[in-house]
Protein backbone atom coordinates (compact mmCIF):
# COMPACT_ATOMS: atom_id res chain seq x y z
CA MET A 1 0.15 -0.01 -0.06
CA PRO A 2 1.39 3.48 -1.02
CA SER A 3 2.35 5.80 1.79
CA THR A 4 0.27 8.86 2.56
CA GLY A 5 2.74 10.78 4.09
CA THR A 6 3.70 14.45 3.34
CA GLY A 7 5.76 13.16 0.53
CA SER A 8 3.60 10.95 -0.87
CA PRO A 9 2.92 10.62 -4.47
CA VAL A 10 -0.51 9.70 -3.93
CA LEU A 11 -1.19 12.82 -1.63
CA TRP A 12 0.66 15.04 -4.13
CA ASP A 13 -1.67 13.84 -7.10
CA LEU A 14 -4.79 14.39 -4.94
CA LEU A 15 -3.58 18.09 -4.35
CA ARG A 16 -3.06 18.44 -8.08
CA LEU A 17 -6.22 17.41 -8.80
CA ARG A 18 -8.00 19.45 -6.41
CA ARG A 19 -6.04 22.57 -7.65
CA ALA A 20 -6.93 21.55 -11.37
CA SER A 21 -10.37 21.39 -10.37
CA ALA A 22 -10.45 25.09 -9.87
CA TYR A 23 -9.33 25.78 -13.53
CA GLY A 24 -11.14 23.14 -15.58
CA ALA A 25 -14.64 21.77 -15.90
CA GLY A 26 -13.59 17.95 -15.78
CA PRO A 27 -12.79 15.17 -18.17
CA SER A 28 -16.47 15.26 -19.94
CA LEU A 29 -18.54 17.24 -22.26
CA ASP A 30 -21.47 17.00 -19.96
CA ARG A 31 -19.46 18.64 -17.14
CA VAL A 32 -18.25 21.64 -19.35
CA LEU A 33 -21.68 22.14 -20.57
CA ASP A 34 -23.00 22.37 -16.85
CA VAL A 35 -20.24 24.96 -15.95
CA CYS A 36 -21.42 26.72 -19.49
CA ARG A 37 -24.80 26.83 -18.54
CA ARG A 38 -24.22 28.02 -15.02
CA LEU A 39 -21.94 30.89 -16.65
CA ALA A 40 -24.88 31.79 -19.02
CA GLY A 41 -27.27 31.97 -15.72
CA TYR A 42 -25.03 34.96 -14.55
CA GLY A 43 -25.27 36.45 -18.05
CA ILE A 44 -21.63 35.41 -19.04
CA ALA A 45 -21.05 33.77 -22.64
CA SER A 46 -18.19 30.86 -22.51
CA ALA A 47 -15.83 29.17 -24.74
CA ILE A 48 -14.78 25.63 -24.17
CA GLY A 49 -11.19 24.21 -24.86
CA TYR A 50 -10.29 20.53 -24.88
CA SER A 51 -7.17 19.08 -23.60
CA ALA A 52 -6.35 15.61 -25.09
CA ARG A 53 -5.16 12.74 -23.17
CA PRO A 54 -1.68 11.45 -24.04
CA GLY A 55 -1.56 9.08 -26.97
CA GLU A 56 -5.23 10.12 -27.74
CA SER A 57 -5.73 9.64 -31.57
CA ALA A 58 -6.44 12.64 -33.83
CA ARG A 59 -9.44 10.92 -34.97
CA ALA A 60 -10.86 10.71 -31.02
CA VAL A 61 -10.16 14.32 -30.51
CA ALA A 62 -12.00 15.43 -33.67
CA ASP A 63 -14.87 13.52 -32.37
CA VAL A 64 -14.75 14.94 -29.27
CA HIS A 65 -15.09 18.55 -31.04
CA LEU A 66 -17.58 17.28 -33.26
CA ALA A 67 -19.77 16.15 -30.14
CA ALA A 68 -19.43 19.56 -28.73
CA PHE A 69 -20.55 21.39 -31.72
CA ASP A 70 -23.69 19.18 -31.71
CA ARG A 71 -24.41 19.77 -28.19
CA LEU A 72 -23.90 23.55 -28.40
CA ALA A 73 -26.51 23.75 -31.29
CA ALA A 74 -29.09 21.68 -29.25
CA GLU A 75 -28.42 23.86 -26.01
CA GLY A 76 -28.51 27.18 -27.71
CA LEU A 77 -25.64 28.59 -25.50
CA ASP A 78 -23.37 31.46 -26.47
CA CYS A 79 -20.15 29.89 -26.69
CA TYR A 80 -17.57 28.70 -29.12
CA VAL A 81 -15.26 25.65 -29.77
CA SER A 82 -11.47 26.32 -29.17
CA VAL A 83 -9.04 23.49 -30.60
CA LYS A 84 -5.27 22.95 -30.30
CA LEU A 85 -4.05 21.62 -33.70
CA PRO A 86 -1.35 19.34 -32.61
CA SER A 87 -3.58 17.12 -31.00
CA LEU A 88 -5.44 16.95 -34.66
CA GLU A 89 -1.76 16.29 -36.21
CA PHE A 90 -2.68 19.39 -38.54
CA ASP A 91 -4.68 16.86 -40.47
CA ALA A 92 -6.63 18.98 -42.99
CA SER A 93 -9.46 16.60 -43.44
CA LEU A 94 -10.44 16.32 -39.94
CA PHE A 95 -9.94 20.24 -39.48
CA ALA A 96 -12.53 20.36 -42.57
CA GLU A 97 -14.93 18.01 -40.57
CA LEU A 98 -14.66 20.66 -37.59
CA THR A 99 -15.09 23.52 -40.09
CA ALA A 100 -18.22 22.16 -41.54
CA ALA A 101 -19.72 21.50 -38.03
CA ALA A 102 -19.07 24.97 -36.90
CA ARG A 103 -20.84 26.51 -40.07
CA GLN A 104 -23.88 23.88 -39.45
CA SER A 105 -24.24 24.87 -35.87
CA GLY A 106 -23.43 28.41 -36.12
CA ARG A 107 -20.74 28.35 -33.47
CA ARG A 108 -17.20 29.70 -34.07
CA LEU A 109 -14.26 27.29 -34.23
CA HIS A 110 -11.20 28.89 -32.89
CA VAL A 111 -7.55 27.79 -33.14
CA ASP A 112 -5.46 28.35 -29.86
CA ALA A 113 -2.03 29.40 -30.16
CA MET A 114 0.28 26.60 -29.02
CA ARG A 115 4.42 26.62 -29.52
CA PRO A 116 5.62 29.01 -32.19
CA GLY A 117 6.76 26.30 -34.30
CA THR A 118 3.02 25.36 -34.85
CA ALA A 119 2.32 28.78 -36.34
CA ASP A 120 3.10 28.40 -39.75
CA PRO A 121 1.09 25.31 -40.31
CA THR A 122 -1.82 26.52 -38.59
CA LEU A 123 -2.05 29.63 -40.81
CA MET A 124 -1.84 27.20 -43.75
CA LEU A 125 -4.99 25.17 -42.38
CA LEU A 126 -6.79 28.51 -41.91
CA GLU A 127 -5.99 30.06 -45.49
CA LYS A 128 -7.50 26.83 -46.73
CA ALA A 129 -10.57 26.87 -44.33
CA ALA A 130 -11.31 30.51 -44.44
CA ARG A 131 -14.94 31.69 -45.11
CA LEU A 132 -15.97 27.96 -45.19
CA GLY A 133 -17.22 28.61 -41.61
CA PRO A 134 -16.85 30.93 -38.72
CA LEU A 135 -13.29 30.60 -37.70
CA GLY A 136 -10.96 32.59 -35.49
CA ALA A 137 -7.31 32.54 -34.68
CA THR A 138 -4.92 33.85 -31.42
CA LEU A 139 -2.20 36.40 -31.35
CA PRO A 140 0.40 36.13 -29.07
CA GLY A 141 1.64 39.48 -27.94
CA ARG A 142 5.18 38.29 -27.27
CA TRP A 143 5.72 36.70 -30.93
CA ARG A 144 7.22 39.20 -33.27
CA ARG A 145 5.36 37.57 -36.24
CA SER A 146 1.96 38.30 -34.54
CA LEU A 147 1.62 41.75 -36.27
CA GLU A 148 2.13 40.25 -39.63
CA ASP A 149 0.03 37.27 -38.82
CA GLY A 150 -2.78 39.75 -37.66
CA ALA A 151 -2.69 41.17 -41.20
CA ARG A 152 -3.37 38.11 -42.75
CA ALA A 153 -5.90 36.81 -40.19
CA ILE A 154 -7.85 40.06 -40.94
CA GLU A 155 -7.42 39.51 -44.76
CA LEU A 156 -8.96 35.97 -43.87
CA GLY A 157 -11.89 37.74 -42.26
CA LEU A 158 -11.10 35.54 -38.84
CA THR A 159 -12.17 36.48 -35.43
CA LEU A 160 -9.27 37.45 -33.10
CA ARG A 161 -8.01 36.70 -29.53
CA ILE A 162 -5.17 38.52 -28.22
CA VAL A 163 -3.12 37.02 -25.53
CA LYS A 164 0.38 37.69 -23.99
CA GLY A 165 1.37 34.23 -25.14
CA HIS A 166 2.54 31.24 -23.01
CA TRP A 167 5.55 30.27 -25.15
CA ALA A 168 8.59 32.66 -25.97
CA ASP A 169 8.79 33.00 -29.76
CA ASP A 170 12.05 30.83 -30.76
CA LEU A 171 11.49 32.08 -34.34
CA GLY A 172 11.55 35.48 -34.76
CA GLY A 173 12.54 36.46 -31.06
CA SER A 174 10.27 37.52 -28.32
CA VAL A 175 9.35 41.20 -27.25
CA ASP A 176 8.06 42.26 -23.90
CA PRO A 177 4.43 40.77 -23.70
CA THR A 178 2.53 43.84 -22.46
CA LYS A 179 4.24 46.08 -25.03
CA GLY A 180 3.66 43.53 -27.58
CA PHE A 181 -0.06 43.01 -26.69
CA LEU A 182 -0.36 46.68 -27.24
CA GLU A 183 0.74 46.62 -30.37
CA VAL A 184 -1.13 43.90 -31.67
CA VAL A 185 -4.12 45.82 -30.30
CA ASP A 186 -3.22 48.95 -32.29
CA ARG A 187 -2.74 46.65 -35.55
CA VAL A 188 -6.33 45.49 -35.20
CA CYS A 189 -8.20 48.59 -34.25
CA GLY A 190 -11.04 49.21 -36.65
CA TYR A 191 -11.28 45.47 -37.75
CA GLU A 192 -14.91 44.93 -38.02
CA GLY A 193 -14.42 40.89 -37.66
CA GLY A 194 -14.40 40.96 -33.82
CA VAL A 195 -11.50 40.92 -31.22
CA ALA A 196 -11.30 39.30 -27.64
CA VAL A 197 -8.79 40.64 -25.35
CA ALA A 198 -7.65 37.80 -23.22
CA THR A 199 -5.99 39.09 -20.02
CA HIS A 200 -6.34 39.11 -16.21
CA ASN A 201 -4.43 42.16 -15.92
CA ALA A 202 -7.05 44.91 -15.21
CA ARG A 203 -4.85 47.90 -16.35
CA LEU A 204 -3.79 46.21 -19.48
CA LEU A 205 -7.41 45.14 -20.34
CA ARG A 206 -8.89 48.66 -19.74
CA GLU A 207 -6.21 50.23 -21.96
CA SER A 208 -6.75 47.53 -24.69
CA LEU A 209 -10.55 48.36 -24.56
CA ARG A 210 -10.05 51.83 -24.49
CA ARG A 211 -8.01 51.89 -27.77
CA LEU A 212 -10.49 49.13 -29.33
CA THR A 213 -13.61 50.99 -28.42
CA THR A 214 -12.32 54.42 -29.24
CA SER A 215 -11.57 52.79 -33.00
CA GLY A 216 -15.27 51.35 -32.96
CA THR A 217 -13.72 47.94 -33.07
CA PRO A 218 -16.10 45.14 -31.91
CA CYS A 219 -14.51 43.48 -28.75
CA GLU A 220 -15.03 41.58 -25.41
CA ALA A 221 -12.94 40.55 -22.81
CA GLU A 222 -12.02 36.77 -22.27
CA LEU A 223 -11.20 35.34 -18.99
CA LEU A 224 -10.14 32.02 -17.90
CA LEU A 225 -12.21 30.12 -15.58
CA GLY A 226 -10.88 30.10 -11.78
CA MET A 227 -8.78 33.24 -12.49
CA PRO A 228 -9.24 36.82 -10.94
CA PHE A 229 -12.53 37.98 -12.02
CA ARG A 230 -13.63 41.23 -10.34
CA GLY A 231 -11.05 43.79 -11.71
CA PRO A 232 -11.32 42.63 -15.31
CA ALA A 233 -15.12 42.56 -15.04
CA ILE A 234 -15.16 46.30 -13.94
CA ALA A 235 -12.71 47.12 -16.66
CA ALA A 236 -15.24 45.47 -19.20
CA ARG A 237 -18.08 47.08 -17.64
CA GLU A 238 -16.48 50.63 -17.96
CA PHE A 239 -16.31 50.37 -21.67
CA GLY A 240 -19.59 48.61 -21.97
CA VAL A 241 -18.03 45.82 -23.49
CA PRO A 242 -19.21 41.79 -22.77
CA VAL A 243 -17.37 39.33 -20.86
CA ARG A 244 -16.75 35.76 -22.00
CA VAL A 245 -15.07 32.81 -19.68
CA TYR A 246 -12.90 30.25 -21.41
CA VAL A 247 -13.55 26.84 -19.68
CA PRO A 248 -10.89 24.07 -20.29
CA TYR A 249 -11.73 20.45 -20.08
CA GLY A 250 -10.45 16.99 -20.59
CA ASP A 251 -6.75 16.51 -19.63
CA ALA A 252 -6.39 19.96 -18.21
CA TRP A 253 -4.08 21.38 -15.36
CA PRO A 254 -3.60 24.87 -13.86
CA GLY A 255 -1.30 27.35 -15.77
CA TYR A 256 1.22 27.66 -13.16
CA GLY A 257 3.37 25.76 -11.07
CA VAL A 258 4.67 25.55 -7.42
CA ARG A 259 7.63 27.53 -8.49
CA ASP A 260 5.58 30.50 -9.56
CA LEU A 261 4.09 30.84 -6.19
CA LEU A 262 7.54 31.60 -4.64
CA GLY A 263 7.89 35.35 -3.46
CA HIS A 264 4.50 36.19 -4.38
CA PRO A 265 2.01 35.88 -1.17
CA LYS A 266 -1.09 36.85 -3.32
CA THR A 267 -0.62 34.05 -5.61
CA ALA A 268 0.38 31.50 -2.66
CA TRP A 269 -2.98 32.64 -1.18
CA TRP A 270 -4.83 31.84 -4.33
CA LEU A 271 -3.44 28.34 -4.46
CA VAL A 272 -4.80 27.97 -0.72
CA GLN A 273 -8.37 29.03 -2.13
CA ASP A 274 -7.75 26.30 -5.00
CA LEU A 275 -7.29 23.79 -2.46
CA LEU A 276 -9.97 25.01 -0.07
CA MET A 277 -12.86 25.20 -2.74
CA GLY A 278 -11.82 23.65 -5.89
CA GLN A 279 -14.18 24.65 -8.82
CA GLU A 280 -16.58 26.40 -6.32
CA LYS A 281 -13.94 29.23 -6.33
CA THR A 282 -15.20 30.58 -9.76
CA TRP A 283 -18.92 31.01 -8.42
CA TRP A 284 -17.96 32.67 -5.22
CA ILE A 285 -15.43 34.82 -7.20
CA ILE A 286 -18.38 35.75 -9.58
CA ARG A 287 -20.93 36.14 -6.84
CA ARG A 288 -18.65 38.30 -4.88
CA SER A 289 -17.76 40.60 -8.15
CA ARG A 290 -21.59 40.91 -8.64
CA ALA A 291 -22.19 41.93 -4.92
CA LYS A 292 -19.78 44.71 -4.95
CA GLN A 293 -20.97 46.27 -8.37
């Protein structure tokens, strides 16, 4: 029988699972739709993103996304579907199936940004599929190439999501994520195809929304399930911009590790809340934010 001492792998896995539950809906489509319905009850739109299991086939991953489009069409939720193209092995025929499902369901198929080496094959697929269905692309602020990629995405009529970016750009050289974020914002100002500003930094969100709304650009704030909500929600409300929450499901884990907590008491307190409340933290945050409006 495995030890359950402090250093036990069993205990550590349980803590990881508890922490992860604050940032993801769980493994199944039913679970993620439950979260989306609950968000809709608060008047908040959603996006869902599936993380494949290690070794899961591209065909199986495509089927998960196809099922999501079917269920969303039946549910009538304001929700789009994000896909990680490496899990589809960049298979053009599978991507075409998803594009057709997006068109039939009236829900957007959005492509998440992954490692920089995936950017070119991602754009190739999007260029082939452009205008065959509602499609979106993600532009990381820390990639130098995002200004050029943004111009190409605008030509293709894609809906855009701007992020700081998780991976450094090892192709064209990274830039300061905040500076790069705002440069991408400026590049897409005036675009009528829609822009999602995805950051929990309320100051950066506020400045981005100021620039976009001043230029008449249709936009929204996009937040990650379980992350700080009140500050960004206030910023969005100041500019009359809707909020959407991205809900991961499948084999999903939090976006920070224990090393990120060192020297950051607020982040450490955030981890304590993860462990105490799990996914209920999200609903506590939303209720608390609304109570203070």
